[in-house]
């Protein structure tokens, strides 16, 4: 069964850091492009970062310089390191493998 499971979300103060994980099963994280998105209430789903099968990463302007996407092929896991978090980063964060396989999301709340 192909599945993605996100984890690592939580409550963090502004300026803090979190590392999100997206554990894959039934697929290989290195076999296809993978992406991170986020979804806030009342807003469109926002693309944040991608990493292709060759390891090339791209970022949305809103997170460039603060977030880093990476993957561990041995652990079959995608990561999103998030630094200098802001209240506006509060959202459900989701990973996607290829064009259509999504995880269920993990909640990130940035608040003092």
N, C-alpha and C. Protein backbone atom coordinates (compact mmCIF):
# COMPACT_ATOMS: atom_id res chain seq x y z
N UNK A 1 0.85 -1.19 0.00
CA UNK A 1 0.00 0.00 0.00
C UNK A 1 0.88 1.24 0.00
N UNK A 2 0.62 2.14 -0.95
CA UNK A 2 1.38 3.37 -1.04
C UNK A 2 0.84 4.36 -0.01
N UNK A 3 1.74 4.91 0.80
CA UNK A 3 1.29 5.79 1.88
C UNK A 3 2.37 6.78 2.25
N UNK A 4 1.93 7.99 2.62
CA UNK A 4 2.79 9.02 3.18
C UNK A 4 2.24 9.42 4.53
N UNK A 5 3.09 9.51 5.53
CA UNK A 5 2.66 9.89 6.87
C UNK A 5 3.54 11.01 7.38
N UNK A 6 2.95 12.19 7.58
CA UNK A 6 3.69 13.33 8.10
C UNK A 6 3.70 13.32 9.61
N UNK A 7 4.75 13.89 10.18
CA UNK A 7 4.86 14.04 11.63
C UNK A 7 5.82 15.19 11.92
N UNK A 8 5.88 15.58 13.19
CA UNK A 8 6.82 16.61 13.60
C UNK A 8 6.21 17.97 13.84
N UNK A 9 4.93 18.11 13.56
CA UNK A 9 4.28 19.38 13.81
C UNK A 9 4.07 19.62 15.29
N UNK A 10 3.61 20.82 15.61
CA UNK A 10 3.36 21.15 17.00
C UNK A 10 3.27 22.64 17.19
N UNK A 11 3.34 23.05 18.45
CA UNK A 11 3.29 24.46 18.81
C UNK A 11 4.70 24.97 19.05
N UNK A 12 5.04 26.07 18.42
CA UNK A 12 6.37 26.65 18.56
C UNK A 12 6.23 28.17 18.64
N UNK A 13 7.13 28.81 19.37
CA UNK A 13 7.11 30.26 19.48
C UNK A 13 7.69 30.91 18.23
N UNK A 14 7.29 32.13 17.94
CA UNK A 14 7.90 32.84 16.80
C UNK A 14 9.42 32.87 16.92
N UNK A 15 10.08 32.65 15.81
CA UNK A 15 11.53 32.56 15.80
C UNK A 15 12.07 31.17 16.02
N UNK A 16 11.21 30.24 16.39
CA UNK A 16 11.63 28.88 16.66
C UNK A 16 11.77 28.04 15.41
N UNK A 17 12.08 26.76 15.63
CA UNK A 17 12.31 25.83 14.53
C UNK A 17 11.54 24.54 14.76
N UNK A 18 11.23 23.89 13.66
CA UNK A 18 10.64 22.55 13.67
C UNK A 18 11.19 21.79 12.48
N UNK A 19 11.25 20.47 12.62
CA UNK A 19 11.57 19.63 11.47
C UNK A 19 10.41 18.67 11.25
N UNK A 20 9.82 18.78 10.07
CA UNK A 20 8.73 17.89 9.69
C UNK A 20 9.30 16.68 8.94
N UNK A 21 8.64 15.55 9.14
CA UNK A 21 9.00 14.33 8.43
C UNK A 21 7.82 13.83 7.62
N UNK A 22 8.11 13.18 6.53
CA UNK A 22 7.10 12.54 5.68
C UNK A 22 7.63 11.15 5.38
N UNK A 23 7.15 10.17 6.13
CA UNK A 23 7.61 8.80 5.97
C UNK A 23 6.82 8.10 4.88
N UNK A 24 7.53 7.49 3.95
CA UNK A 24 6.89 6.83 2.82
C UNK A 24 6.91 5.32 2.98
N UNK A 25 5.85 4.68 2.52
CA UNK A 25 5.80 3.22 2.46
C UNK A 25 5.14 2.82 1.15
N UNK A 26 5.64 1.73 0.58
CA UNK A 26 5.11 1.26 -0.69
C UNK A 26 5.63 2.00 -1.90
N UNK A 27 6.44 3.00 -1.68
CA UNK A 27 7.05 3.80 -2.75
C UNK A 27 8.46 4.17 -2.30
N UNK A 28 9.23 4.71 -3.22
CA UNK A 28 10.57 5.19 -2.90
C UNK A 28 10.60 6.71 -3.01
N UNK A 29 11.09 7.38 -1.97
CA UNK A 29 11.11 8.85 -2.00
C UNK A 29 12.07 9.37 -3.07
N UNK A 30 13.00 8.54 -3.50
CA UNK A 30 13.97 9.00 -4.50
C UNK A 30 13.50 8.75 -5.93
N UNK A 31 12.39 8.06 -6.08
CA UNK A 31 11.94 7.66 -7.41
C UNK A 31 11.13 8.73 -8.13
N UNK A 32 10.72 9.74 -7.43
CA UNK A 32 9.85 10.75 -8.01
C UNK A 32 10.07 12.07 -7.30
N UNK A 33 9.61 13.14 -7.91
CA UNK A 33 9.67 14.44 -7.24
C UNK A 33 8.75 14.41 -6.02
N UNK A 34 9.18 15.10 -4.98
CA UNK A 34 8.36 15.23 -3.78
C UNK A 34 8.25 16.69 -3.42
N UNK A 35 7.12 17.03 -2.84
CA UNK A 35 6.78 18.41 -2.55
C UNK A 35 6.23 18.56 -1.13
N UNK A 36 6.41 19.76 -0.58
CA UNK A 36 5.72 20.17 0.65
C UNK A 36 4.76 21.30 0.31
N UNK A 37 3.60 21.22 0.92
CA UNK A 37 2.57 22.25 0.80
C UNK A 37 2.08 22.60 2.21
N UNK A 38 1.30 23.68 2.27
CA UNK A 38 0.59 23.96 3.51
C UNK A 38 -0.79 24.51 3.20
N UNK A 39 -1.67 24.31 4.16
CA UNK A 39 -3.07 24.71 3.99
C UNK A 39 -3.53 25.40 5.26
N UNK A 40 -3.99 26.64 5.10
CA UNK A 40 -4.56 27.38 6.22
C UNK A 40 -6.05 27.55 5.99
N UNK A 41 -6.84 27.67 7.07
CA UNK A 41 -8.29 27.86 6.89
C UNK A 41 -8.58 29.09 6.05
N UNK A 42 -9.43 28.92 5.07
CA UNK A 42 -9.84 30.03 4.23
C UNK A 42 -8.84 30.43 3.16
N UNK A 43 -7.74 29.70 3.07
CA UNK A 43 -6.73 30.03 2.07
C UNK A 43 -6.52 28.86 1.12
N UNK A 44 -6.01 29.17 -0.06
CA UNK A 44 -5.66 28.11 -1.01
C UNK A 44 -4.44 27.35 -0.52
N UNK A 45 -4.36 26.09 -0.91
CA UNK A 45 -3.18 25.30 -0.58
C UNK A 45 -1.98 25.95 -1.24
N UNK A 46 -0.92 26.12 -0.46
CA UNK A 46 0.27 26.83 -0.93
C UNK A 46 1.44 25.87 -1.10
N UNK A 47 2.03 25.87 -2.27
CA UNK A 47 3.24 25.08 -2.51
C UNK A 47 4.42 25.76 -1.83
N UNK A 48 5.26 24.96 -1.16
CA UNK A 48 6.39 25.50 -0.42
C UNK A 48 7.75 25.13 -1.00
N UNK A 49 7.91 23.84 -1.33
CA UNK A 49 9.23 23.38 -1.74
C UNK A 49 9.10 22.06 -2.46
N UNK A 50 10.07 21.79 -3.33
CA UNK A 50 10.12 20.51 -4.01
C UNK A 50 11.55 20.03 -4.12
N UNK A 51 11.68 18.72 -4.26
CA UNK A 51 12.97 18.12 -4.51
C UNK A 51 12.76 17.04 -5.56
N UNK A 52 13.55 17.07 -6.64
CA UNK A 52 13.33 16.09 -7.70
C UNK A 52 14.16 14.84 -7.46
N UNK A 53 14.04 13.88 -8.36
CA UNK A 53 14.73 12.61 -8.16
C UNK A 53 16.24 12.78 -8.18
N UNK A 54 16.71 13.85 -8.80
CA UNK A 54 18.14 14.11 -8.82
C UNK A 54 18.64 14.89 -7.63
N UNK A 55 17.71 15.31 -6.75
CA UNK A 55 18.10 16.02 -5.54
C UNK A 55 18.05 17.53 -5.66
N UNK A 56 17.60 18.03 -6.80
CA UNK A 56 17.53 19.49 -6.98
C UNK A 56 16.32 20.03 -6.24
N UNK A 57 16.51 21.08 -5.46
CA UNK A 57 15.45 21.66 -4.65
C UNK A 57 15.05 23.04 -5.14
N UNK A 58 13.78 23.32 -5.01
CA UNK A 58 13.24 24.65 -5.31
C UNK A 58 12.35 25.08 -4.16
N UNK A 59 12.20 26.41 -4.00
CA UNK A 59 11.43 26.95 -2.88
C UNK A 59 10.53 28.09 -3.32
N UNK A 60 9.41 28.22 -2.62
CA UNK A 60 8.57 29.40 -2.78
C UNK A 60 9.28 30.58 -2.14
N UNK A 61 9.02 31.76 -2.67
CA UNK A 61 9.66 32.96 -2.13
C UNK A 61 9.33 33.17 -0.65
N UNK A 62 8.14 32.72 -0.26
CA UNK A 62 7.69 32.94 1.12
C UNK A 62 8.52 32.18 2.16
N UNK A 63 9.22 31.13 1.72
CA UNK A 63 9.99 30.32 2.67
C UNK A 63 11.47 30.22 2.32
N UNK A 64 11.85 30.78 1.20
CA UNK A 64 13.25 30.68 0.76
C UNK A 64 14.17 31.30 1.81
N UNK A 65 15.22 30.58 2.16
CA UNK A 65 16.15 31.06 3.16
C UNK A 65 15.79 30.67 4.58
N UNK A 66 14.55 30.21 4.79
CA UNK A 66 14.12 29.79 6.12
C UNK A 66 13.84 28.28 6.19
N UNK A 67 13.33 27.72 5.12
CA UNK A 67 12.97 26.30 5.08
C UNK A 67 13.95 25.55 4.18
N UNK A 68 14.21 24.30 4.53
CA UNK A 68 15.07 23.45 3.74
C UNK A 68 14.42 22.09 3.56
N UNK A 69 14.26 21.68 2.30
CA UNK A 69 13.72 20.36 1.98
C UNK A 69 14.87 19.39 1.78
N UNK A 70 14.71 18.17 2.27
CA UNK A 70 15.74 17.16 2.08
C UNK A 70 15.08 15.79 2.16
N UNK A 71 15.83 14.78 1.81
CA UNK A 71 15.31 13.42 1.93
C UNK A 71 16.43 12.49 2.35
N UNK A 72 16.03 11.42 3.01
CA UNK A 72 16.95 10.36 3.41
C UNK A 72 16.49 9.10 2.70
N UNK A 73 17.22 8.71 1.69
CA UNK A 73 16.80 7.56 0.89
C UNK A 73 16.81 6.27 1.71
N UNK A 74 17.76 6.15 2.60
CA UNK A 74 17.84 4.93 3.42
C UNK A 74 16.66 4.82 4.37
N UNK A 75 16.22 5.97 4.91
CA UNK A 75 15.06 5.99 5.80
C UNK A 75 13.75 6.10 5.03
N UNK A 76 13.86 6.34 3.70
CA UNK A 76 12.70 6.51 2.85
C UNK A 76 11.78 7.61 3.40
N UNK A 77 12.39 8.73 3.76
CA UNK A 77 11.67 9.82 4.42
C UNK A 77 12.07 11.16 3.82
N UNK A 78 11.07 12.01 3.66
CA UNK A 78 11.26 13.39 3.22
C UNK A 78 11.20 14.28 4.45
N UNK A 79 11.99 15.35 4.46
CA UNK A 79 12.02 16.27 5.59
C UNK A 79 11.78 17.70 5.15
N UNK A 80 11.33 18.52 6.09
CA UNK A 80 11.27 19.96 5.90
C UNK A 80 11.77 20.61 7.19
N UNK A 81 12.96 21.17 7.12
CA UNK A 81 13.50 21.91 8.25
C UNK A 81 13.00 23.33 8.16
N UNK A 82 12.34 23.80 9.21
CA UNK A 82 11.74 25.12 9.22
C UNK A 82 12.37 25.95 10.33
N UNK A 83 13.00 27.04 9.95
CA UNK A 83 13.64 27.93 10.91
C UNK A 83 12.99 29.30 10.85
N UNK A 84 13.27 30.12 11.87
CA UNK A 84 12.75 31.50 11.91
C UNK A 84 11.25 31.53 11.66
N UNK A 85 10.54 30.67 12.34
CA UNK A 85 9.10 30.55 12.10
C UNK A 85 8.35 31.80 12.52
N UNK A 86 7.30 32.09 11.75
CA UNK A 86 6.47 33.27 11.97
C UNK A 86 5.02 32.83 12.22
N UNK A 87 4.23 33.66 12.86
CA UNK A 87 2.82 33.29 13.07
C UNK A 87 2.10 32.96 11.77
N UNK A 88 2.47 33.62 10.68
CA UNK A 88 1.82 33.34 9.40
C UNK A 88 2.22 32.00 8.80
N UNK A 89 3.16 31.31 9.41
CA UNK A 89 3.50 29.95 8.98
C UNK A 89 2.54 28.91 9.57
N UNK A 90 1.65 29.34 10.43
CA UNK A 90 0.67 28.43 11.02
C UNK A 90 -0.21 27.82 9.94
N UNK A 91 -0.26 26.50 9.89
CA UNK A 91 -1.01 25.80 8.85
C UNK A 91 -0.89 24.30 9.07
N UNK A 92 -1.66 23.54 8.29
CA UNK A 92 -1.44 22.10 8.16
C UNK A 92 -0.44 21.90 7.02
N UNK A 93 0.60 21.15 7.30
CA UNK A 93 1.66 20.90 6.32
C UNK A 93 1.51 19.50 5.75
N UNK A 94 1.56 19.41 4.42
CA UNK A 94 1.35 18.15 3.74
C UNK A 94 2.48 17.87 2.76
N UNK A 95 2.78 16.60 2.58
CA UNK A 95 3.75 16.21 1.57
C UNK A 95 3.02 15.51 0.42
N UNK A 96 3.67 15.54 -0.73
CA UNK A 96 3.10 14.90 -1.92
C UNK A 96 4.21 14.19 -2.68
N UNK A 97 3.92 12.98 -3.13
CA UNK A 97 4.84 12.19 -3.97
C UNK A 97 4.28 12.13 -5.37
N UNK A 98 5.06 12.50 -6.34
CA UNK A 98 4.57 12.49 -7.71
C UNK A 98 3.39 13.41 -7.86
N UNK A 99 2.50 13.13 -8.80
CA UNK A 99 1.40 14.06 -9.06
C UNK A 99 0.21 13.92 -8.13
N UNK A 100 0.08 12.78 -7.43
CA UNK A 100 -1.23 12.59 -6.81
C UNK A 100 -1.25 11.91 -5.45
N UNK A 101 -0.12 11.48 -4.90
CA UNK A 101 -0.14 10.80 -3.60
C UNK A 101 0.17 11.81 -2.50
N UNK A 102 -0.81 12.01 -1.61
CA UNK A 102 -0.69 12.98 -0.53
C UNK A 102 -0.70 12.29 0.82
N UNK A 103 -0.03 12.92 1.78
CA UNK A 103 -0.18 12.51 3.17
C UNK A 103 -1.38 13.20 3.79
N UNK A 104 -1.60 12.90 5.09
CA UNK A 104 -2.78 13.43 5.76
C UNK A 104 -2.53 14.80 6.39
N UNK A 105 -1.26 15.17 6.54
CA UNK A 105 -0.91 16.48 7.08
C UNK A 105 -0.54 16.45 8.55
N UNK A 106 0.22 17.47 8.94
CA UNK A 106 0.57 17.67 10.35
C UNK A 106 0.43 19.16 10.67
N UNK A 107 -0.16 19.45 11.83
CA UNK A 107 -0.46 20.83 12.19
C UNK A 107 0.76 21.52 12.77
N UNK A 108 1.05 22.71 12.26
CA UNK A 108 2.09 23.57 12.81
C UNK A 108 1.43 24.86 13.28
N UNK A 109 1.65 25.21 14.54
CA UNK A 109 1.11 26.44 15.09
C UNK A 109 2.26 27.27 15.65
N UNK A 110 2.37 28.49 15.15
CA UNK A 110 3.43 29.40 15.59
C UNK A 110 2.76 30.52 16.39
N UNK A 111 3.00 30.52 17.69
CA UNK A 111 2.33 31.47 18.55
C UNK A 111 3.09 31.60 19.86
N UNK A 112 3.01 32.79 20.44
CA UNK A 112 3.62 33.00 21.74
C UNK A 112 2.58 32.82 22.85
